[in-house]
Amino acid sequence: MPAIEATAGDPVTPEFLDAFAAAWNRHDADAIMAMMTPDCVMCLVAGPGKEGARSEGQAGVKAAVEAVFARVPDVQWRNARHFIAGDRGVTEWTMTGTTADGQRIEANGCDVFTFRDGLIALKDSYRKIAG
């Protein structure tokens, strides 16, 4: 899939979110960060507080993205479906992968987004937990 470039003020489109998902599936941290605002925030599923693991800013979010790829080296997000309403959006997906210690994961989940200036300002992830 070709890269989608956003310029300030462009509305986020399903094609933009497809490109964002493709960057995650390629494990391309630089492409992911190019689609997020300089002051971006990402909240992952598990963490110490009610927000999960919260990372802020390009450096903090990039480190968290790279840590996800290290924990689940073959992780993929499939069957993406996008919903956009103004400056908010949701992507539903099925996550599959194998953790570094050999545990297989397959779970449905979603990302809830806030957009600003044609980029992702907030990525807040939710995932079903078996058990």
N, C-alpha and C. Protein backbone atom coordinates (compact mmCIF):
# COMPACT_ATOMS: atom_id res chain seq x y z
N MET A 1 0.85 -1.18 0.00
CA MET A 1 0.00 0.00 0.00
C MET A 1 0.89 1.24 0.00
N PRO A 2 0.65 2.20 -0.87
CA PRO A 2 1.48 3.41 -0.90
C PRO A 2 1.27 4.24 0.36
N ALA A 3 2.28 4.99 0.73
CA ALA A 3 2.18 5.87 1.89
C ALA A 3 1.15 6.95 1.64
N ILE A 4 0.45 7.31 2.69
CA ILE A 4 -0.52 8.41 2.64
C ILE A 4 0.10 9.56 3.41
N GLU A 5 0.28 10.67 2.78
CA GLU A 5 0.83 11.84 3.46
C GLU A 5 -0.28 12.80 3.79
N ALA A 6 -0.29 13.27 5.03
CA ALA A 6 -1.29 14.25 5.46
C ALA A 6 -0.63 15.61 5.57
N THR A 7 -1.39 16.62 5.28
CA THR A 7 -0.93 17.98 5.52
C THR A 7 -1.88 18.61 6.52
N ALA A 8 -1.38 19.61 7.23
CA ALA A 8 -2.18 20.25 8.27
C ALA A 8 -3.54 20.65 7.73
N GLY A 9 -4.56 20.27 8.47
CA GLY A 9 -5.92 20.64 8.11
C GLY A 9 -6.65 19.60 7.29
N ASP A 10 -5.92 18.64 6.69
CA ASP A 10 -6.59 17.56 5.95
C ASP A 10 -7.41 16.72 6.93
N PRO A 11 -8.62 16.34 6.53
CA PRO A 11 -9.37 15.44 7.40
C PRO A 11 -8.77 14.03 7.32
N VAL A 12 -8.85 13.30 8.41
CA VAL A 12 -8.40 11.91 8.40
C VAL A 12 -9.43 11.09 7.64
N THR A 13 -8.95 10.17 6.83
CA THR A 13 -9.80 9.33 5.98
C THR A 13 -9.59 7.85 6.33
N PRO A 14 -10.50 6.99 5.88
CA PRO A 14 -10.26 5.55 6.06
C PRO A 14 -8.96 5.09 5.40
N GLU A 15 -8.59 5.69 4.27
CA GLU A 15 -7.34 5.34 3.61
C GLU A 15 -6.13 5.69 4.48
N PHE A 16 -6.20 6.81 5.18
CA PHE A 16 -5.14 7.19 6.12
C PHE A 16 -5.02 6.14 7.22
N LEU A 17 -6.16 5.72 7.78
CA LEU A 17 -6.13 4.71 8.84
C LEU A 17 -5.69 3.35 8.30
N ASP A 18 -6.01 3.03 7.04
CA ASP A 18 -5.49 1.81 6.42
C ASP A 18 -3.96 1.87 6.37
N ALA A 19 -3.42 3.02 5.98
CA ALA A 19 -1.96 3.18 5.90
C ALA A 19 -1.32 3.10 7.29
N PHE A 20 -1.99 3.64 8.30
CA PHE A 20 -1.51 3.55 9.68
C PHE A 20 -1.47 2.09 10.12
N ALA A 21 -2.54 1.35 9.84
CA ALA A 21 -2.59 -0.07 10.19
C ALA A 21 -1.50 -0.85 9.45
N ALA A 22 -1.29 -0.53 8.18
CA ALA A 22 -0.26 -1.21 7.40
C ALA A 22 1.13 -0.95 7.99
N ALA A 23 1.37 0.26 8.47
CA ALA A 23 2.66 0.57 9.10
C ALA A 23 2.86 -0.28 10.36
N TRP A 24 1.81 -0.43 11.15
CA TRP A 24 1.90 -1.31 12.33
C TRP A 24 2.22 -2.74 11.90
N ASN A 25 1.54 -3.24 10.87
CA ASN A 25 1.76 -4.62 10.43
C ASN A 25 3.14 -4.82 9.81
N ARG A 26 3.75 -3.76 9.29
CA ARG A 26 5.13 -3.83 8.77
C ARG A 26 6.16 -3.66 9.89
N HIS A 27 5.67 -3.28 11.08
CA HIS A 27 6.54 -2.97 12.22
C HIS A 27 7.44 -1.79 11.88
N ASP A 28 6.86 -0.78 11.25
CA ASP A 28 7.59 0.40 10.76
C ASP A 28 7.33 1.58 11.70
N ALA A 29 8.13 1.65 12.76
CA ALA A 29 7.94 2.69 13.77
C ALA A 29 8.06 4.09 13.19
N ASP A 30 8.96 4.31 12.24
CA ASP A 30 9.11 5.64 11.66
C ASP A 30 7.86 6.06 10.90
N ALA A 31 7.26 5.15 10.13
CA ALA A 31 6.03 5.47 9.40
C ALA A 31 4.88 5.73 10.36
N ILE A 32 4.82 4.96 11.44
CA ILE A 32 3.78 5.17 12.46
C ILE A 32 3.90 6.57 13.03
N MET A 33 5.12 6.95 13.42
CA MET A 33 5.32 8.25 14.05
C MET A 33 5.07 9.40 13.09
N ALA A 34 5.30 9.20 11.79
CA ALA A 34 5.04 10.25 10.80
C ALA A 34 3.55 10.56 10.69
N MET A 35 2.71 9.66 11.18
CA MET A 35 1.26 9.85 11.10
C MET A 35 0.67 10.35 12.42
N MET A 36 1.55 10.68 13.37
CA MET A 36 1.10 11.15 14.68
C MET A 36 1.64 12.56 14.94
N THR A 37 0.93 13.32 15.74
CA THR A 37 1.32 14.69 16.04
C THR A 37 2.60 14.71 16.88
N PRO A 38 3.32 15.84 16.88
CA PRO A 38 4.53 15.95 17.70
C PRO A 38 4.27 15.69 19.19
N ASP A 39 3.10 16.08 19.68
CA ASP A 39 2.76 15.91 21.10
C ASP A 39 1.81 14.73 21.33
N CYS A 40 1.94 13.70 20.49
CA CYS A 40 1.02 12.56 20.52
C CYS A 40 1.04 11.85 21.87
N VAL A 41 -0.06 11.13 22.11
CA VAL A 41 -0.22 10.29 23.30
C VAL A 41 -0.71 8.93 22.83
N MET A 42 -0.15 7.88 23.44
CA MET A 42 -0.62 6.53 23.16
C MET A 42 -0.84 5.82 24.49
N CYS A 43 -2.01 5.21 24.64
CA CYS A 43 -2.34 4.45 25.83
C CYS A 43 -2.55 3.00 25.41
N LEU A 44 -1.67 2.12 25.89
CA LEU A 44 -1.76 0.71 25.56
C LEU A 44 -2.68 -0.02 26.53
N VAL A 45 -3.02 -1.24 26.21
CA VAL A 45 -4.03 -2.02 26.92
C VAL A 45 -3.68 -2.19 28.40
N ALA A 46 -2.50 -2.63 28.72
CA ALA A 46 -2.14 -2.95 30.10
C ALA A 46 -1.11 -1.96 30.61
N GLY A 47 -1.25 -1.63 31.87
CA GLY A 47 -0.30 -0.72 32.49
C GLY A 47 -0.67 -0.46 33.92
N PRO A 48 0.06 0.42 34.56
CA PRO A 48 -0.10 0.63 36.00
C PRO A 48 -1.35 1.40 36.42
N GLY A 49 -1.96 2.14 35.52
CA GLY A 49 -3.10 2.96 35.90
C GLY A 49 -4.33 2.67 35.07
N LYS A 50 -5.36 3.45 35.27
CA LYS A 50 -6.62 3.23 34.57
C LYS A 50 -6.50 3.46 33.07
N GLU A 51 -5.47 4.17 32.62
CA GLU A 51 -5.25 4.42 31.18
C GLU A 51 -4.41 3.33 30.53
N GLY A 52 -3.97 2.33 31.28
CA GLY A 52 -3.01 1.37 30.75
C GLY A 52 -1.63 1.98 30.79
N ALA A 53 -0.79 1.60 29.85
CA ALA A 53 0.56 2.17 29.76
C ALA A 53 0.50 3.41 28.88
N ARG A 54 0.70 4.58 29.46
CA ARG A 54 0.59 5.85 28.74
C ARG A 54 1.98 6.34 28.35
N SER A 55 2.12 6.69 27.06
CA SER A 55 3.36 7.27 26.54
C SER A 55 3.02 8.60 25.90
N GLU A 56 3.92 9.55 26.01
CA GLU A 56 3.68 10.89 25.48
C GLU A 56 4.84 11.37 24.63
N GLY A 57 4.51 12.14 23.59
CA GLY A 57 5.51 12.75 22.72
C GLY A 57 6.08 11.74 21.75
N GLN A 58 6.69 12.24 20.68
CA GLN A 58 7.22 11.36 19.64
C GLN A 58 8.21 10.34 20.20
N ALA A 59 9.15 10.76 21.04
CA ALA A 59 10.16 9.83 21.54
C ALA A 59 9.54 8.77 22.45
N GLY A 60 8.66 9.19 23.34
CA GLY A 60 8.04 8.24 24.27
C GLY A 60 7.14 7.25 23.57
N VAL A 61 6.35 7.73 22.61
CA VAL A 61 5.45 6.84 21.87
C VAL A 61 6.26 5.89 20.99
N LYS A 62 7.30 6.39 20.33
CA LYS A 62 8.11 5.51 19.48
C LYS A 62 8.75 4.40 20.31
N ALA A 63 9.23 4.72 21.50
CA ALA A 63 9.82 3.70 22.36
C ALA A 63 8.78 2.65 22.75
N ALA A 64 7.55 3.08 23.02
CA ALA A 64 6.48 2.14 23.37
C ALA A 64 6.11 1.26 22.18
N VAL A 65 6.06 1.84 20.98
CA VAL A 65 5.76 1.08 19.77
C VAL A 65 6.83 0.01 19.56
N GLU A 66 8.08 0.39 19.68
CA GLU A 66 9.17 -0.57 19.49
C GLU A 66 9.14 -1.66 20.55
N ALA A 67 8.71 -1.32 21.77
CA ALA A 67 8.60 -2.32 22.84
C ALA A 67 7.51 -3.34 22.52
N VAL A 68 6.40 -2.89 21.92
CA VAL A 68 5.34 -3.82 21.50
C VAL A 68 5.92 -4.82 20.51
N PHE A 69 6.66 -4.35 19.52
CA PHE A 69 7.24 -5.24 18.51
C PHE A 69 8.25 -6.21 19.13
N ALA A 70 8.97 -5.79 20.17
CA ALA A 70 9.94 -6.67 20.84
C ALA A 70 9.21 -7.74 21.67
N ARG A 71 8.10 -7.36 22.32
CA ARG A 71 7.36 -8.31 23.16
C ARG A 71 6.62 -9.36 22.34
N VAL A 72 6.13 -8.95 21.16
CA VAL A 72 5.36 -9.86 20.29
C VAL A 72 5.94 -9.71 18.88
N PRO A 73 7.03 -10.41 18.61
CA PRO A 73 7.78 -10.17 17.36
C PRO A 73 7.00 -10.39 16.07
N ASP A 74 5.97 -11.22 16.09
CA ASP A 74 5.20 -11.48 14.86
C ASP A 74 3.80 -10.86 14.92
N VAL A 75 3.60 -9.88 15.77
CA VAL A 75 2.27 -9.30 15.97
C VAL A 75 1.71 -8.69 14.68
N GLN A 76 0.41 -8.92 14.48
CA GLN A 76 -0.31 -8.37 13.33
C GLN A 76 -1.70 -7.96 13.80
N TRP A 77 -2.26 -6.97 13.13
CA TRP A 77 -3.64 -6.52 13.37
C TRP A 77 -4.38 -6.68 12.06
N ARG A 78 -5.37 -7.55 12.05
CA ARG A 78 -6.09 -7.91 10.82
C ARG A 78 -7.55 -7.49 10.90
N ASN A 79 -8.21 -7.57 9.75
CA ASN A 79 -9.66 -7.31 9.65
C ASN A 79 -10.03 -5.91 10.14
N ALA A 80 -9.21 -4.93 9.82
CA ALA A 80 -9.45 -3.56 10.29
C ALA A 80 -10.73 -2.99 9.67
N ARG A 81 -11.52 -2.36 10.53
CA ARG A 81 -12.71 -1.61 10.11
C ARG A 81 -12.64 -0.26 10.79
N HIS A 82 -12.78 0.80 10.00
CA HIS A 82 -12.59 2.16 10.51
C HIS A 82 -13.92 2.92 10.55
N PHE A 83 -14.05 3.75 11.58
CA PHE A 83 -15.20 4.64 11.73
C PHE A 83 -14.65 6.01 12.10
N ILE A 84 -15.05 7.04 11.37
CA ILE A 84 -14.54 8.40 11.60
C ILE A 84 -15.73 9.34 11.75
N ALA A 85 -15.67 10.18 12.77
CA ALA A 85 -16.68 11.21 13.00
C ALA A 85 -15.96 12.48 13.45
N GLY A 86 -15.75 13.38 12.52
CA GLY A 86 -15.06 14.64 12.86
C GLY A 86 -13.64 14.38 13.30
N ASP A 87 -13.30 14.83 14.51
CA ASP A 87 -11.93 14.67 15.01
C ASP A 87 -11.74 13.41 15.86
N ARG A 88 -12.68 12.48 15.76
CA ARG A 88 -12.59 11.22 16.50
C ARG A 88 -12.72 10.05 15.54
N GLY A 89 -12.21 8.92 15.93
CA GLY A 89 -12.31 7.72 15.10
C GLY A 89 -12.06 6.47 15.90
N VAL A 90 -12.44 5.35 15.31
CA VAL A 90 -12.23 4.03 15.91
C VAL A 90 -11.79 3.08 14.80
N THR A 91 -10.85 2.23 15.12
CA THR A 91 -10.49 1.11 14.26
C THR A 91 -10.68 -0.16 15.08
N GLU A 92 -11.53 -1.07 14.57
CA GLU A 92 -11.68 -2.40 15.17
C GLU A 92 -10.71 -3.33 14.46
N TRP A 93 -10.17 -4.33 15.17
CA TRP A 93 -9.20 -5.25 14.59
C TRP A 93 -9.16 -6.56 15.36
N THR A 94 -8.50 -7.55 14.78
CA THR A 94 -8.14 -8.79 15.47
C THR A 94 -6.62 -8.85 15.52
N MET A 95 -6.11 -8.92 16.73
CA MET A 95 -4.66 -8.99 16.95
C MET A 95 -4.24 -10.45 17.05
N THR A 96 -3.16 -10.81 16.35
CA THR A 96 -2.58 -12.14 16.48
C THR A 96 -1.08 -12.00 16.66
N GLY A 97 -0.51 -12.97 17.36
CA GLY A 97 0.93 -12.96 17.53
C GLY A 97 1.37 -13.97 18.55
N THR A 98 2.67 -14.08 18.70
CA THR A 98 3.29 -14.97 19.67
C THR A 98 4.28 -14.15 20.48
N THR A 99 4.11 -14.18 21.80
CA THR A 99 5.01 -13.42 22.66
C THR A 99 6.42 -13.99 22.58
N ALA A 100 7.38 -13.22 23.04
CA ALA A 100 8.78 -13.65 23.00
C ALA A 100 8.99 -14.95 23.78
N ASP A 101 8.12 -15.22 24.78
CA ASP A 101 8.24 -16.47 25.55
C ASP A 101 7.36 -17.60 25.01
N GLY A 102 6.76 -17.41 23.82
CA GLY A 102 6.04 -18.49 23.15
C GLY A 102 4.54 -18.55 23.36
N GLN A 103 3.94 -17.59 24.06
CA GLN A 103 2.49 -17.59 24.28
C GLN A 103 1.78 -17.04 23.05
N ARG A 104 0.80 -17.80 22.55
CA ARG A 104 0.03 -17.38 21.38
C ARG A 104 -1.09 -16.44 21.83
N ILE A 105 -1.29 -15.35 21.06
CA ILE A 105 -2.34 -14.37 21.35
C ILE A 105 -3.23 -14.25 20.12
N GLU A 106 -4.53 -14.26 20.34
CA GLU A 106 -5.50 -13.89 19.31
C GLU A 106 -6.67 -13.24 20.03
N ALA A 107 -6.91 -11.98 19.74
CA ALA A 107 -7.93 -11.24 20.47
C ALA A 107 -8.48 -10.11 19.62
N ASN A 108 -9.77 -9.83 19.80
CA ASN A 108 -10.39 -8.67 19.16
C ASN A 108 -10.11 -7.45 20.01
N GLY A 109 -10.06 -6.31 19.34
CA GLY A 109 -9.84 -5.07 20.06
C GLY A 109 -10.14 -3.87 19.19
N CYS A 110 -9.83 -2.70 19.71
CA CYS A 110 -10.03 -1.48 18.95
C CYS A 110 -9.09 -0.40 19.43
N ASP A 111 -8.86 0.56 18.57
CA ASP A 111 -8.15 1.79 18.90
C ASP A 111 -9.16 2.92 18.79
N VAL A 112 -9.17 3.77 19.80
CA VAL A 112 -9.99 4.98 19.78
C VAL A 112 -9.03 6.15 19.56
N PHE A 113 -9.31 6.93 18.53
CA PHE A 113 -8.40 8.00 18.12
C PHE A 113 -9.01 9.38 18.35
N THR A 114 -8.12 10.35 18.60
CA THR A 114 -8.42 11.76 18.48
C THR A 114 -7.47 12.30 17.42
N PHE A 115 -8.01 13.03 16.46
CA PHE A 115 -7.22 13.57 15.35
C PHE A 115 -7.05 15.07 15.50
N ARG A 116 -5.89 15.57 15.02
CA ARG A 116 -5.65 17.02 14.96
C ARG A 116 -4.77 17.30 13.76
N ASP A 117 -5.16 18.28 12.96
CA ASP A 117 -4.36 18.71 11.80
C ASP A 117 -4.03 17.54 10.87
N GLY A 118 -4.98 16.63 10.69
CA GLY A 118 -4.80 15.53 9.75
C GLY A 118 -3.91 14.40 10.26
N LEU A 119 -3.58 14.43 11.56
CA LEU A 119 -2.72 13.41 12.16
C LEU A 119 -3.38 12.84 13.40
N ILE A 120 -2.81 11.78 13.93
CA ILE A 120 -3.32 11.15 15.15
C ILE A 120 -2.67 11.81 16.36
N ALA A 121 -3.50 12.41 17.21
CA ALA A 121 -3.02 13.03 18.44
C ALA A 121 -3.08 12.06 19.61
N LEU A 122 -4.08 11.17 19.62
CA LEU A 122 -4.26 10.19 20.69
C LEU A 122 -4.64 8.86 20.09
N LYS A 123 -3.95 7.81 20.50
CA LYS A 123 -4.28 6.42 20.16
C LYS A 123 -4.48 5.70 21.48
N ASP A 124 -5.72 5.30 21.74
CA ASP A 124 -6.08 4.66 23.00
C ASP A 124 -6.58 3.26 22.67
N SER A 125 -5.85 2.22 23.09
CA SER A 125 -6.13 0.85 22.67
C SER A 125 -6.90 0.06 23.73
N TYR A 126 -7.79 -0.80 23.24
CA TYR A 126 -8.59 -1.71 24.07
C TYR A 126 -8.56 -3.08 23.44
N ARG A 127 -8.43 -4.14 24.27
CA ARG A 127 -8.36 -5.50 23.74
C ARG A 127 -9.05 -6.46 24.68
N LYS A 128 -9.75 -7.45 24.10
CA LYS A 128 -10.37 -8.51 24.87
C LYS A 128 -9.27 -9.34 25.52
N ILE A 129 -9.53 -9.79 26.75
CA ILE A 129 -8.59 -10.64 27.48
C ILE A 129 -9.28 -11.97 27.77
N ALA A 130 -8.68 -13.07 27.35
CA ALA A 130 -9.24 -14.39 27.59
C ALA A 130 -9.09 -14.77 29.07
N GLY A 131 -10.06 -15.53 29.55
CA GLY A 131 -9.92 -16.06 30.90
C GLY A 131 -10.94 -15.56 31.80
